[in-house]
Amino acid sequence: MIEALASVAPGRPLREGLDRILQARMGALIVVGDDSAVLSICSGGFLLDAEFSPPRLSELAKMDGAIILALDASRIARANVHLVPNPDVATSETGTRHRTAERVARSIDVPVISVSEDQSIIAVYRHDLKHPLQPIPQLVNRANQALQTLERYKNRLDGVTRSLSVSEIEDHVTVRDVVTVLQRAEMVRRIAEEVDGYLVELGDDGRLLMLQLDELMGGVNDDRRLVVRDYLHEQRAWHLDQAMEQLRTMSTENLLDLDAIAAVLRLGHLADGLDAGLTPRGYRLLSQIPRLPGTLVDPIVARFADLPKVMGATVGDLEQVGGIGAARARLVKNGLGRLAEASTIDP
């Protein structure tokens, strides 16, 4: 459905053609795909194989039959076609055009677009999904509201992340500190995902909003993964990717439960529960050192095992890590020192 919505977003030729049909107060049934499965349910009409253009689409919509486009909507394959999908395919629609659109989309893996002459609504069907296109001003308002919500949640995430950094440097991290950051990060990711859905449908009209989204989300997903790497209690059948996937698919109810998030990290067995102390491996803070290649973070963690030992290491100790010479050893030592100094400053 995301791909289908992107193809009818403002700025795309297909959307211009659909808008022309609406402005002329006409209806239409359009199938985006002309493979053998689509042709097998076509009856009548005529072959065009003409280059697509918005005026041609609106002119062809004056006829009652369906219009068949190439899969990339670059050509008009057929017009005035009678579609004969399987009548046994269930449909919840009532109008003839919409019933046909839903049945075709459910039986063949192609986007189907219906333009309602009476209600002036464009609806996109894909598999079992139906998505009516919303007016652009309404979409912009919803996207702006979602961005404002995202900004508030991002500010809260920044606050708990700074607190986690201070606790890591002072070696006073608790399970509560870690799962709170992951909870906020996952909430931010989900709101951003909703905003991204609006931006797909907005197309060219959402470019400025896309820039705002990119700025707000910069580094969030990377930090989220690094926090999990720092604290995940890996087991033979439970690894990083599995933990990340479970966080992504958690229900909203479970996401609000800090104990449930701790269970994802396999930290729920600790005697003190959310107040149990933890020691970070150091992936996240090491990744914040400027000019330190990411490929050197893993060897450093493998050599010292946890962040306190890395911070207590001398330049000579760091030089013993493969790939780190004297210059990079000083870079790591000085970088961690600056992070420690920054953590003492109230932001």
C-alpha atoms as a PDB file:
ATOM      1  CA  MET A   1       0.000   0.000   0.000  1.00  0.00           C
ATOM      2  CA  ILE A   2       2.880   2.400   0.750  1.00  0.00           C
ATOM      3  CA  GLU A   3       4.189   1.889  -2.799  1.00  0.00           C
ATOM      4  CA  ALA A   4       0.706   2.418  -4.212  1.00  0.00           C
ATOM      5  CA  LEU A   5       0.209   5.647  -2.239  1.00  0.00           C
ATOM      6  CA  ALA A   6       3.608   6.921  -3.355  1.00  0.00           C
ATOM      7  CA  SER A   7       2.567   6.443  -7.000  1.00  0.00           C
ATOM      8  CA  VAL A   8      -0.512   8.668  -6.553  1.00  0.00           C
ATOM      9  CA  ALA A   9       1.154  11.330  -4.367  1.00  0.00           C
ATOM     10  CA  PRO A  10       1.116  15.013  -5.432  1.00  0.00           C
ATOM     11  CA  GLY A  11       3.788  15.696  -8.006  1.00  0.00           C
ATOM     12  CA  ARG A  12       3.348  12.329  -9.722  1.00  0.00           C
ATOM     13  CA  PRO A  13       1.762  12.300 -13.221  1.00  0.00           C
ATOM     14  CA  LEU A  14      -0.805   9.711 -12.145  1.00  0.00           C
ATOM     15  CA  ARG A  15      -2.068  11.992  -9.351  1.00  0.00           C
ATOM     16  CA  GLU A  16      -2.430  14.863 -11.814  1.00  0.00           C
ATOM     17  CA  GLY A  17      -4.548  12.640 -14.041  1.00  0.00           C
ATOM     18  CA  LEU A  18      -6.735  11.565 -11.102  1.00  0.00           C
ATOM     19  CA  ASP A  19      -7.233  15.193 -10.061  1.00  0.00           C
ATOM     20  CA  ARG A  20      -8.314  16.049 -13.609  1.00  0.00           C
ATOM     21  CA  ILE A  21     -10.935  13.303 -13.445  1.00  0.00           C
ATOM     22  CA  LEU A  22     -12.269  14.680 -10.159  1.00  0.00           C
ATOM     23  CA  GLN A  23     -12.342  18.237 -11.481  1.00  0.00           C
ATOM     24  CA  ALA A  24     -14.380  17.061 -14.466  1.00  0.00           C
ATOM     25  CA  ARG A  25     -16.829  15.375 -12.035  1.00  0.00           C
ATOM     26  CA  MET A  26     -16.283  11.965 -13.588  1.00  0.00           C
ATOM     27  CA  GLY A  27     -15.629   8.511 -12.171  1.00  0.00           C
ATOM     28  CA  ALA A  28     -12.959   5.983 -13.113  1.00  0.00           C
ATOM     29  CA  LEU A  29     -11.612   2.513 -12.412  1.00  0.00           C
ATOM     30  CA  ILE A  30      -7.867   2.140 -12.957  1.00  0.00           C
ATOM     31  CA  VAL A  31      -5.681  -0.951 -12.602  1.00  0.00           C
ATOM     32  CA  VAL A  32      -1.933  -0.292 -12.266  1.00  0.00           C
ATOM     33  CA  GLY A  33      -0.468  -3.433 -13.812  1.00  0.00           C
ATOM     34  CA  ASP A  34      -0.908  -5.244 -17.118  1.00  0.00           C
ATOM     35  CA  ASP A  35       0.534  -8.698 -16.533  1.00  0.00           C
ATOM     36  CA  SER A  36      -1.121 -11.954 -17.550  1.00  0.00           C
ATOM     37  CA  ALA A  37      -3.136 -12.165 -14.321  1.00  0.00           C
ATOM     38  CA  VAL A  38      -4.732  -8.785 -15.012  1.00  0.00           C
ATOM     39  CA  LEU A  39      -5.351  -9.529 -18.694  1.00  0.00           C
ATOM     40  CA  SER A  40      -7.057 -12.800 -17.750  1.00  0.00           C
ATOM     41  CA  ILE A  41      -9.949 -10.888 -16.146  1.00  0.00           C
ATOM     42  CA  CYS A  42     -10.235  -8.291 -18.935  1.00  0.00           C
ATOM     43  CA  SER A  43     -13.069  -8.443 -21.433  1.00  0.00           C
ATOM     44  CA  GLY A  44     -13.691  -6.123 -24.359  1.00  0.00           C
ATOM     45  CA  GLY A  45     -12.230  -2.658 -24.595  1.00  0.00           C
ATOM     46  CA  PHE A  46      -9.384  -1.793 -26.922  1.00  0.00           C
ATOM     47  CA  LEU A  47      -5.609  -1.955 -26.932  1.00  0.00           C
ATOM     48  CA  LEU A  48      -3.780   1.371 -26.718  1.00  0.00           C
ATOM     49  CA  ASP A  49      -0.172   0.864 -25.592  1.00  0.00           C
ATOM     50  CA  ALA A  50       0.224   4.649 -25.554  1.00  0.00           C
ATOM     51  CA  GLU A  51       2.497   6.811 -23.430  1.00  0.00           C
ATOM     52  CA  PHE A  52       0.807   7.942 -20.245  1.00  0.00           C
ATOM     53  CA  SER A  53      -0.205  11.552 -19.790  1.00  0.00           C
ATOM     54  CA  PRO A  54      -2.702  13.134 -17.367  1.00  0.00           C
ATOM     55  CA  PRO A  55      -4.897  14.611 -20.159  1.00  0.00           C
ATOM     56  CA  ARG A  56      -5.108  11.213 -21.887  1.00  0.00           C
ATOM     57  CA  LEU A  57      -6.154   9.543 -18.638  1.00  0.00           C
ATOM     58  CA  SER A  58      -8.934  12.054 -18.004  1.00  0.00           C
ATOM     59  CA  GLU A  59     -10.189  11.772 -21.598  1.00  0.00           C
ATOM     60  CA  LEU A  60     -10.293   7.967 -21.418  1.00  0.00           C
ATOM     61  CA  ALA A  61     -12.213   8.200 -18.123  1.00  0.00           C
ATOM     62  CA  LYS A  62     -15.181   9.568 -20.097  1.00  0.00           C
ATOM     63  CA  MET A  63     -15.856   5.955 -21.114  1.00  0.00           C
ATOM     64  CA  ASP A  64     -17.463   3.584 -18.645  1.00  0.00           C
ATOM     65  CA  GLY A  65     -14.866   0.791 -18.755  1.00  0.00           C
ATOM     66  CA  ALA A  66     -11.714   0.342 -16.703  1.00  0.00           C
ATOM     67  CA  ILE A  67      -8.306   1.697 -17.704  1.00  0.00           C
ATOM     68  CA  ILE A  68      -5.282  -0.617 -17.535  1.00  0.00           C
ATOM     69  CA  LEU A  69      -1.887   1.003 -16.956  1.00  0.00           C
ATOM     70  CA  ALA A  70       1.609  -0.470 -17.051  1.00  0.00           C
ATOM     71  CA  LEU A  71       3.007  -1.441 -13.640  1.00  0.00           C
ATOM     72  CA  ASP A  72       5.101   1.744 -13.459  1.00  0.00           C
ATOM     73  CA  ALA A  73       2.194   3.840 -14.813  1.00  0.00           C
ATOM     74  CA  SER A  74       4.367   5.001 -17.707  1.00  0.00           C
ATOM     75  CA  ARG A  75       2.009   3.690 -20.416  1.00  0.00           C
ATOM     76  CA  ILE A  76      -1.708   3.223 -20.925  1.00  0.00           C
ATOM     77  CA  ALA A  77      -2.135  -0.388 -21.984  1.00  0.00           C
ATOM     78  CA  ARG A  78      -5.915  -0.705 -22.490  1.00  0.00           C
ATOM     79  CA  ALA A  79      -9.069   1.358 -22.056  1.00  0.00           C
ATOM     80  CA  ASN A  80     -12.847   0.850 -21.818  1.00  0.00           C
ATOM     81  CA  VAL A  81     -12.193  -2.646 -20.434  1.00  0.00           C
ATOM     82  CA  HIS A  82     -14.832  -4.704 -18.644  1.00  0.00           C
ATOM     83  CA  LEU A  83     -13.239  -6.387 -15.608  1.00  0.00           C
ATOM     84  CA  VAL A  84     -14.539  -9.817 -14.608  1.00  0.00           C
ATOM     85  CA  PRO A  85     -12.968 -10.737 -11.245  1.00  0.00           C
ATOM     86  CA  ASN A  86     -13.973 -13.843  -9.329  1.00  0.00           C
ATOM     87  CA  PRO A  87     -17.488 -13.132  -7.989  1.00  0.00           C
ATOM     88  CA  ASP A  88     -16.809 -15.385  -4.992  1.00  0.00           C
ATOM     89  CA  VAL A  89     -14.195 -12.961  -3.626  1.00  0.00           C
ATOM     90  CA  ALA A  90     -15.728 -11.225  -0.608  1.00  0.00           C
ATOM     91  CA  THR A  91     -16.332  -7.471  -0.776  1.00  0.00           C
ATOM     92  CA  SER A  92     -17.795  -4.952   1.633  1.00  0.00           C
ATOM     93  CA  GLU A  93     -18.402  -2.313  -1.031  1.00  0.00           C
ATOM     94  CA  THR A  94     -21.831  -1.500  -2.462  1.00  0.00           C
ATOM     95  CA  GLY A  95     -21.259   0.437  -5.693  1.00  0.00           C
ATOM     96  CA  THR A  96     -20.444  -1.539  -8.835  1.00  0.00           C
ATOM     97  CA  ARG A  97     -17.142   0.259  -9.493  1.00  0.00           C
ATOM     98  CA  HIS A  98     -15.937  -0.100  -5.901  1.00  0.00           C
ATOM     99  CA  ARG A  99     -17.005  -3.726  -5.618  1.00  0.00           C
ATOM    100  CA  THR A 100     -15.033  -4.531  -8.746  1.00  0.00           C
ATOM    101  CA  ALA A 101     -11.979  -2.576  -7.481  1.00  0.00           C
ATOM    102  CA  GLU A 102     -11.944  -4.421  -4.164  1.00  0.00           C
ATOM    103  CA  ARG A 103     -12.373  -7.834  -5.766  1.00  0.00           C
ATOM    104  CA  VAL A 104      -9.583  -7.236  -8.272  1.00  0.00           C
ATOM    105  CA  ALA A 105      -7.184  -5.997  -5.557  1.00  0.00           C
ATOM    106  CA  ARG A 106      -7.950  -8.977  -3.335  1.00  0.00           C
ATOM    107  CA  SER A 107      -7.455 -11.536  -6.081  1.00  0.00           C
ATOM    108  CA  ILE A 108      -4.512 -10.014  -7.993  1.00  0.00           C
ATOM    109  CA  ASP A 109      -1.375  -8.392  -6.540  1.00  0.00           C
ATOM    110  CA  VAL A 110      -1.788  -4.969  -8.187  1.00  0.00           C
ATOM    111  CA  PRO A 111      -2.976  -1.551  -6.973  1.00  0.00           C
ATOM    112  CA  VAL A 112      -6.498  -0.652  -8.082  1.00  0.00           C
ATOM    113  CA  ILE A 113      -7.774   2.936  -7.988  1.00  0.00           C
ATOM    114  CA  SER A 114     -11.397   3.977  -7.996  1.00  0.00           C
ATOM    115  CA  VAL A 115     -12.582   7.548  -8.472  1.00  0.00           C
ATOM    116  CA  SER A 116     -16.074   8.134  -7.124  1.00  0.00           C
ATOM    117  CA  GLU A 117     -18.138  10.419  -9.335  1.00  0.00           C
ATOM    118  CA  ASP A 118     -20.795  11.045  -6.671  1.00  0.00           C
ATOM    119  CA  GLN A 119     -18.575  11.498  -3.604  1.00  0.00           C
ATOM    120  CA  SER A 120     -15.506  12.968  -5.365  1.00  0.00           C
ATOM    121  CA  ILE A 121     -13.209  10.559  -3.500  1.00  0.00           C
ATOM    122  CA  ILE A 122     -10.151   8.708  -4.780  1.00  0.00           C
ATOM    123  CA  ALA A 123      -9.661   5.322  -3.104  1.00  0.00           C
ATOM    124  CA  VAL A 124      -6.645   3.025  -3.470  1.00  0.00           C
ATOM    125  CA  TYR A 125      -7.102  -0.727  -3.015  1.00  0.00           C
ATOM    126  CA  ARG A 126      -4.250  -3.161  -2.403  1.00  0.00           C
ATOM    127  CA  HIS A 127      -4.780  -6.720  -1.190  1.00  0.00           C
ATOM    128  CA  ASP A 128      -7.313  -6.415   1.669  1.00  0.00           C
ATOM    129  CA  LEU A 129      -6.581  -2.726   2.299  1.00  0.00           C
ATOM    130  CA  LYS A 130      -8.521   0.314   1.201  1.00  0.00           C
ATOM    131  CA  HIS A 131      -7.145   3.840   1.603  1.00  0.00           C
ATOM    132  CA  PRO A 132      -9.220   6.884   0.603  1.00  0.00           C
ATOM    133  CA  LEU A 133      -6.923   9.770  -0.341  1.00  0.00           C
ATOM    134  CA  GLN A 134      -7.392  12.710   2.000  1.00  0.00           C
ATOM    135  CA  PRO A 135      -7.413  16.379   0.948  1.00  0.00           C
ATOM    136  CA  ILE A 136      -3.901  17.839   0.960  1.00  0.00           C
ATOM    137  CA  PRO A 137      -4.631  20.636   3.507  1.00  0.00           C
ATOM    138  CA  GLN A 138      -6.072  18.069   5.916  1.00  0.00           C
ATOM    139  CA  LEU A 139      -3.021  15.827   5.479  1.00  0.00           C
ATOM    140  CA  VAL A 140      -0.647  18.752   6.064  1.00  0.00           C
ATOM    141  CA  ASN A 141      -2.480  19.653   9.288  1.00  0.00           C
ATOM    142  CA  ARG A 142      -2.295  16.068  10.542  1.00  0.00           C
ATOM    143  CA  ALA A 143       1.383  15.795   9.649  1.00  0.00           C
ATOM    144  CA  ASN A 144       2.139  19.077  11.452  1.00  0.00           C
ATOM    145  CA  GLN A 145       0.284  17.930  14.558  1.00  0.00           C
ATOM    146  CA  ALA A 146       2.164  14.626  14.511  1.00  0.00           C
ATOM    147  CA  LEU A 147       5.483  16.471  14.111  1.00  0.00           C
ATOM    148  CA  GLN A 148       4.690  18.655  17.125  1.00  0.00           C
ATOM    149  CA  THR A 149       3.953  15.537  19.161  1.00  0.00           C
ATOM    150  CA  LEU A 150       7.165  13.962  17.887  1.00  0.00           C
ATOM    151  CA  GLU A 151       9.175  17.008  18.931  1.00  0.00           C
ATOM    152  CA  ARG A 152       7.781  16.857  22.490  1.00  0.00           C
ATOM    153  CA  TYR A 153       8.580  13.146  22.798  1.00  0.00           C
ATOM    154  CA  LYS A 154      12.034  13.702  21.264  1.00  0.00           C
ATOM    155  CA  ASN A 155      12.817  16.341  23.901  1.00  0.00           C
ATOM    156  CA  ARG A 156      11.857  13.866  26.616  1.00  0.00           C
ATOM    157  CA  LEU A 157      14.015  11.210  24.974  1.00  0.00           C
ATOM    158  CA  ASP A 158      16.974  13.606  24.874  1.00  0.00           C
ATOM    159  CA  GLY A 159      16.534  14.245  28.601  1.00  0.00           C
ATOM    160  CA  VAL A 160      16.536  10.595  29.676  1.00  0.00           C
ATOM    161  CA  THR A 161      19.389   9.837  27.265  1.00  0.00           C
ATOM    162  CA  ARG A 162      21.542  12.548  28.843  1.00  0.00           C
ATOM    163  CA  SER A 163      20.713  11.126  32.262  1.00  0.00           C
ATOM    164  CA  LEU A 164      21.767   7.671  31.092  1.00  0.00           C
ATOM    165  CA  SER A 165      25.083   9.055  29.819  1.00  0.00           C
ATOM    166  CA  VAL A 166      25.782  10.682  33.191  1.00  0.00           C
ATOM    167  CA  SER A 167      24.940   7.443  35.005  1.00  0.00           C
ATOM    168  CA  GLU A 168      27.176   5.446  32.662  1.00  0.00           C
ATOM    169  CA  ILE A 169      30.150   7.731  33.219  1.00  0.00           C
ATOM    170  CA  GLU A 170      29.593   7.670  36.993  1.00  0.00           C
ATOM    171  CA  ASP A 171      28.966   3.892  36.890  1.00  0.00           C
ATOM    172  CA  HIS A 172      25.573   4.167  38.575  1.00  0.00           C
ATOM    173  CA  VAL A 173      23.293   2.756  35.861  1.00  0.00           C
ATOM    174  CA  THR A 174      20.116   0.929  36.854  1.00  0.00           C
ATOM    175  CA  VAL A 175      17.739  -1.203  34.812  1.00  0.00           C
ATOM    176  CA  ARG A 176      15.179   1.606  35.124  1.00  0.00           C
ATOM    177  CA  ASP A 177      17.539   4.082  33.423  1.00  0.00           C
ATOM    178  CA  VAL A 178      18.060   1.771  30.466  1.00  0.00           C
ATOM    179  CA  VAL A 179      14.472   0.651  29.869  1.00  0.00           C
ATOM    180  CA  THR A 180      13.191   4.217  30.210  1.00  0.00           C
ATOM    181  CA  VAL A 181      15.470   5.296  27.345  1.00  0.00           C
ATOM    182  CA  LEU A 182      14.346   2.352  25.216  1.00  0.00           C
ATOM    183  CA  GLN A 183      10.685   3.061  25.989  1.00  0.00           C
ATOM    184  CA  ARG A 184      11.022   6.711  24.914  1.00  0.00           C
ATOM    185  CA  ALA A 185      13.051   5.798  21.828  1.00  0.00           C
ATOM    186  CA  GLU A 186      10.451   3.276  20.688  1.00  0.00           C
ATOM    187  CA  MET A 187       7.638   5.806  21.216  1.00  0.00           C
ATOM    188  CA  VAL A 188       9.552   8.348  19.125  1.00  0.00           C
ATOM    189  CA  ARG A 189      10.134   5.750  16.396  1.00  0.00           C
ATOM    190  CA  ARG A 190       6.440   4.905  16.213  1.00  0.00           C
ATOM    191  CA  ILE A 191       5.344   8.533  15.991  1.00  0.00           C
ATOM    192  CA  ALA A 192       7.939   9.107  13.258  1.00  0.00           C
ATOM    193  CA  GLU A 193       6.572   6.099  11.387  1.00  0.00           C
ATOM    194  CA  GLU A 194       3.109   7.674  11.453  1.00  0.00           C
ATOM    195  CA  VAL A 195       4.487  10.984  10.191  1.00  0.00           C
ATOM    196  CA  ASP A 196       6.321   9.154   7.414  1.00  0.00           C
ATOM    197  CA  GLY A 197       3.016   7.641   6.276  1.00  0.00           C
ATOM    198  CA  TYR A 198       1.548  11.122   5.886  1.00  0.00           C
ATOM    199  CA  LEU A 199       4.632  12.272   3.977  1.00  0.00           C
ATOM    200  CA  VAL A 200       4.385   9.374   1.516  1.00  0.00           C
ATOM    201  CA  GLU A 201       0.844  10.446   0.689  1.00  0.00           C
ATOM    202  CA  LEU A 202       1.840  14.132   0.506  1.00  0.00           C
ATOM    203  CA  GLY A 203       4.586  13.513  -2.063  1.00  0.00           C
ATOM    204  CA  ASP A 204       6.153  16.754  -3.269  1.00  0.00           C
ATOM    205  CA  ASP A 205       3.899  18.769  -0.942  1.00  0.00           C
ATOM    206  CA  GLY A 206       5.618  17.201   2.066  1.00  0.00           C
ATOM    207  CA  ARG A 207       9.240  18.071   1.279  1.00  0.00           C
ATOM    208  CA  LEU A 208       9.652  20.667   4.037  1.00  0.00           C
ATOM    209  CA  LEU A 209       7.988  18.388   6.558  1.00  0.00           C
ATOM    210  CA  MET A 210      10.360  15.603   5.496  1.00  0.00           C
ATOM    211  CA  LEU A 211      13.337  17.827   6.343  1.00  0.00           C
ATOM    212  CA  GLN A 212      11.893  18.450   9.818  1.00  0.00           C
ATOM    213  CA  LEU A 213      11.358  14.730  10.334  1.00  0.00           C
ATOM    214  CA  ASP A 214      14.916  13.903   9.261  1.00  0.00           C
ATOM    215  CA  GLU A 215      16.326  16.505  11.649  1.00  0.00           C
ATOM    216  CA  LEU A 216      14.272  15.238  14.596  1.00  0.00           C
ATOM    217  CA  MET A 217      15.106  11.585  13.952  1.00  0.00           C
ATOM    218  CA  GLY A 218      18.831  12.031  13.331  1.00  0.00           C
ATOM    219  CA  GLY A 219      20.679   9.353  15.294  1.00  0.00           C
ATOM    220  CA  VAL A 220      17.621   8.056  17.191  1.00  0.00           C
ATOM    221  CA  ASN A 221      17.513   4.614  15.600  1.00  0.00           C
ATOM    222  CA  ASP A 222      21.286   4.157  15.883  1.00  0.00           C
ATOM    223  CA  ASP A 223      21.272   5.133  19.573  1.00  0.00           C
ATOM    224  CA  ARG A 224      18.346   2.793  20.229  1.00  0.00           C
ATOM    225  CA  ARG A 225      20.261  -0.138  18.791  1.00  0.00           C
ATOM    226  CA  LEU A 226      23.466   0.795  20.652  1.00  0.00           C
ATOM    227  CA  VAL A 227      21.630   0.934  23.990  1.00  0.00           C
ATOM    228  CA  VAL A 228      20.347  -2.592  23.391  1.00  0.00           C
ATOM    229  CA  ARG A 229      23.890  -3.738  22.476  1.00  0.00           C
ATOM    230  CA  ASP A 230      25.224  -2.205  25.684  1.00  0.00           C
ATOM    231  CA  TYR A 231      22.842  -4.001  28.028  1.00  0.00           C
ATOM    232  CA  LEU A 232      21.292  -7.022  26.315  1.00  0.00           C
ATOM    233  CA  HIS A 233      21.894 -10.248  28.214  1.00  0.00           C
ATOM    234  CA  GLU A 234      22.427 -12.443  25.168  1.00  0.00           C
ATOM    235  CA  GLN A 235      21.545 -16.094  25.312  1.00  0.00           C
ATOM    236  CA  ARG A 236      22.002 -18.976  22.921  1.00  0.00           C
ATOM    237  CA  ALA A 237      18.547 -18.462  21.386  1.00  0.00           C
ATOM    238  CA  TRP A 238      18.206 -14.722  22.000  1.00  0.00           C
ATOM    239  CA  HIS A 239      20.316 -12.172  20.153  1.00  0.00           C
ATOM    240  CA  LEU A 240      20.361  -8.484  19.247  1.00  0.00           C
ATOM    241  CA  ASP A 241      18.166  -8.657  16.131  1.00  0.00           C
ATOM    242  CA  GLN A 242      15.522 -10.679  17.959  1.00  0.00           C
ATOM    243  CA  ALA A 243      15.425  -8.180  20.817  1.00  0.00           C
ATOM    244  CA  MET A 244      15.146  -5.254  18.392  1.00  0.00           C
ATOM    245  CA  GLU A 245      12.299  -6.943  16.546  1.00  0.00           C
ATOM    246  CA  GLN A 246      10.405  -7.677  19.750  1.00  0.00           C
ATOM    247  CA  LEU A 247      10.735  -4.048  20.823  1.00  0.00           C
ATOM    248  CA  ARG A 248       9.431  -2.957  17.427  1.00  0.00           C
ATOM    249  CA  THR A 249       6.374  -5.216  17.576  1.00  0.00           C
ATOM    250  CA  MET A 250       5.471  -4.778  21.263  1.00  0.00           C
ATOM    251  CA  SER A 251       1.907  -3.744  21.928  1.00  0.00           C
ATOM    252  CA  THR A 252       1.374  -0.225  23.260  1.00  0.00           C
ATOM    253  CA  GLU A 253       0.237  -1.686  26.584  1.00  0.00           C
ATOM    254  CA  ASN A 254       3.464  -3.686  26.989  1.00  0.00           C
ATOM    255  CA  LEU A 255       5.564  -0.719  25.896  1.00  0.00           C
ATOM    256  CA  LEU A 256       4.228   1.252  28.870  1.00  0.00           C
ATOM    257  CA  ASP A 257       5.357  -1.535  31.189  1.00  0.00           C
ATOM    258  CA  LEU A 258       9.037  -1.077  32.097  1.00  0.00           C
ATOM    259  CA  ASP A 259       9.239  -4.644  33.369  1.00  0.00           C
ATOM    260  CA  ALA A 260       8.151  -5.930  29.947  1.00  0.00           C
ATOM    261  CA  ILE A 261      10.964  -3.981  28.277  1.00  0.00           C
ATOM    262  CA  ALA A 262      13.439  -5.322  30.835  1.00  0.00           C
ATOM    263  CA  ALA A 263      12.282  -8.830  29.913  1.00  0.00           C
ATOM    264  CA  VAL A 264      13.169  -8.136  26.272  1.00  0.00           C
ATOM    265  CA  LEU A 265      16.738  -7.424  27.399  1.00  0.00           C
ATOM    266  CA  ARG A 266      16.601 -10.576  29.561  1.00  0.00           C
ATOM    267  CA  LEU A 267      17.103  -8.444  32.672  1.00  0.00           C
ATOM    268  CA  GLY A 268      13.857  -9.317  34.418  1.00  0.00           C
ATOM    269  CA  HIS A 269      15.486 -12.003  36.574  1.00  0.00           C
ATOM    270  CA  LEU A 270      17.614  -9.588  38.606  1.00  0.00           C
ATOM    271  CA  ALA A 271      16.870  -9.600  42.341  1.00  0.00           C
ATOM    272  CA  ASP A 272      16.465  -5.820  42.694  1.00  0.00           C
ATOM    273  CA  GLY A 273      14.220  -5.549  39.644  1.00  0.00           C
ATOM    274  CA  LEU A 274      14.246  -2.120  38.001  1.00  0.00           C
ATOM    275  CA  ASP A 275      16.640  -0.793  40.653  1.00  0.00           C
ATOM    276  CA  ALA A 276      19.305  -3.412  39.917  1.00  0.00           C
ATOM    277  CA  GLY A 277      22.680  -2.007  38.887  1.00  0.00           C
ATOM    278  CA  LEU A 278      24.074  -2.552  35.394  1.00  0.00           C
ATOM    279  CA  THR A 279      27.412  -1.985  33.705  1.00  0.00           C
ATOM    280  CA  PRO A 280      27.406  -0.774  30.066  1.00  0.00           C
ATOM    281  CA  ARG A 281      29.653  -2.395  27.509  1.00  0.00           C
ATOM    282  CA  GLY A 282      30.425   1.042  26.070  1.00  0.00           C
ATOM    283  CA  TYR A 283      29.196   0.816  22.464  1.00  0.00           C
ATOM    284  CA  ARG A 284      27.046   3.957  22.643  1.00  0.00           C
ATOM    285  CA  LEU A 285      29.516   6.331  24.296  1.00  0.00           C
ATOM    286  CA  LEU A 286      32.438   5.117  22.188  1.00  0.00           C
ATOM    287  CA  SER A 287      30.345   5.771  19.082  1.00  0.00           C
ATOM    288  CA  GLN A 288      30.007   9.413  20.175  1.00  0.00           C
ATOM    289  CA  ILE A 289      33.767  10.064  19.993  1.00  0.00           C
ATOM    290  CA  PRO A 290      34.407  12.229  16.897  1.00  0.00           C
ATOM    291  CA  ARG A 291      36.671  10.797  14.197  1.00  0.00           C
ATOM    292  CA  LEU A 292      36.766   7.340  15.812  1.00  0.00           C
ATOM    293  CA  PRO A 293      35.920   4.819  13.063  1.00  0.00           C
ATOM    294  CA  GLY A 294      32.983   2.612  13.935  1.00  0.00           C
ATOM    295  CA  THR A 295      35.027  -0.457  13.008  1.00  0.00           C
ATOM    296  CA  LEU A 296      37.265   0.161  16.037  1.00  0.00           C
ATOM    297  CA  VAL A 297      34.471   0.252  18.614  1.00  0.00           C
ATOM    298  CA  ASP A 298      33.962  -3.529  18.608  1.00  0.00           C
ATOM    299  CA  PRO A 299      37.660  -4.360  19.174  1.00  0.00           C
ATOM    300  CA  ILE A 300      37.844  -1.889  22.074  1.00  0.00           C
ATOM    301  CA  VAL A 301      34.778  -3.390  23.757  1.00  0.00           C
ATOM    302  CA  ALA A 302      36.069  -6.913  23.113  1.00  0.00           C
ATOM    303  CA  ARG A 303      39.415  -6.017  24.741  1.00  0.00           C
ATOM    304  CA  PHE A 304      38.096  -4.289  27.868  1.00  0.00           C
ATOM    305  CA  ALA A 305      34.611  -5.856  28.235  1.00  0.00           C
ATOM    306  CA  ASP A 306      32.853  -2.828  29.766  1.00  0.00           C
ATOM    307  CA  LEU A 307      32.860   0.972  29.805  1.00  0.00           C
ATOM    308  CA  PRO A 308      34.425   1.543  33.265  1.00  0.00           C
ATOM    309  CA  LYS A 309      37.467  -0.488  32.228  1.00  0.00           C
ATOM    310  CA  VAL A 310      37.749   1.455  28.964  1.00  0.00           C
ATOM    311  CA  MET A 311      37.586   4.760  30.839  1.00  0.00           C
ATOM    312  CA  GLY A 312      40.194   3.548  33.312  1.00  0.00           C
ATOM    313  CA  ALA A 313      42.563   2.351  30.586  1.00  0.00           C
ATOM    314  CA  THR A 314      45.740   4.260  29.889  1.00  0.00           C
ATOM    315  CA  VAL A 315      46.886   5.336  26.438  1.00  0.00           C
ATOM    316  CA  GLY A 316      49.322   2.434  26.521  1.00  0.00           C
ATOM    317  CA  ASP A 317      46.509  -0.003  27.313  1.00  0.00           C
ATOM    318  CA  LEU A 318      44.449   1.310  24.404  1.00  0.00           C
ATOM    319  CA  GLU A 319      47.392   0.953  22.013  1.00  0.00           C
ATOM    320  CA  GLN A 320      47.308  -2.798  22.599  1.00  0.00           C
ATOM    321  CA  VAL A 321      43.966  -3.017  20.787  1.00  0.00           C
ATOM    322  CA  GLY A 322      44.447  -4.134  17.195  1.00  0.00           C
ATOM    323  CA  GLY A 323      44.148  -1.255  14.720  1.00  0.00           C
ATOM    324  CA  ILE A 324      44.666   1.467  17.334  1.00  0.00           C
ATOM    325  CA  GLY A 325      47.955   3.309  17.293  1.00  0.00           C
ATOM    326  CA  ALA A 326      49.202   6.011  19.593  1.00  0.00           C
ATOM    327  CA  ALA A 327      47.204   8.779  17.879  1.00  0.00           C
ATOM    328  CA  ARG A 328      43.905   6.935  18.061  1.00  0.00           C
ATOM    329  CA  ALA A 329      44.564   5.785  21.600  1.00  0.00           C
ATOM    330  CA  ARG A 330      44.920   9.446  22.636  1.00  0.00           C
ATOM    331  CA  LEU A 331      41.792  10.217  20.590  1.00  0.00           C
ATOM    332  CA  VAL A 332      39.790   7.646  22.577  1.00  0.00           C
ATOM    333  CA  LYS A 333      41.214   8.746  25.937  1.00  0.00           C
ATOM    334  CA  ASN A 334      40.633  12.449  25.263  1.00  0.00           C
ATOM    335  CA  GLY A 335      37.212  11.824  23.740  1.00  0.00           C
ATOM    336  CA  LEU A 336      35.984   9.922  26.785  1.00  0.00           C
ATOM    337  CA  GLY A 337      37.415  12.655  28.980  1.00  0.00           C
ATOM    338  CA  ARG A 338      35.451  15.322  27.109  1.00  0.00           C
ATOM    339  CA  LEU A 339      32.272  13.240  27.381  1.00  0.00           C
ATOM    340  CA  ALA A 340      32.831  12.956  31.123  1.00  0.00           C
ATOM    341  CA  GLU A 341      33.349  16.719  31.416  1.00  0.00           C
ATOM    342  CA  ALA A 342      30.224  17.432  29.337  1.00  0.00           C
ATOM    343  CA  SER A 343      28.145  15.170  31.561  1.00  0.00           C
ATOM    344  CA  THR A 344      28.852  17.378  34.559  1.00  0.00           C
ATOM    345  CA  ILE A 345      27.455  20.455  32.802  1.00  0.00           C
ATOM    346  CA  ASP A 346      23.732  21.060  33.197  1.00  0.00           C
ATOM    347  CA  PRO A 347      22.334  21.222  29.602  1.00  0.00           C
END
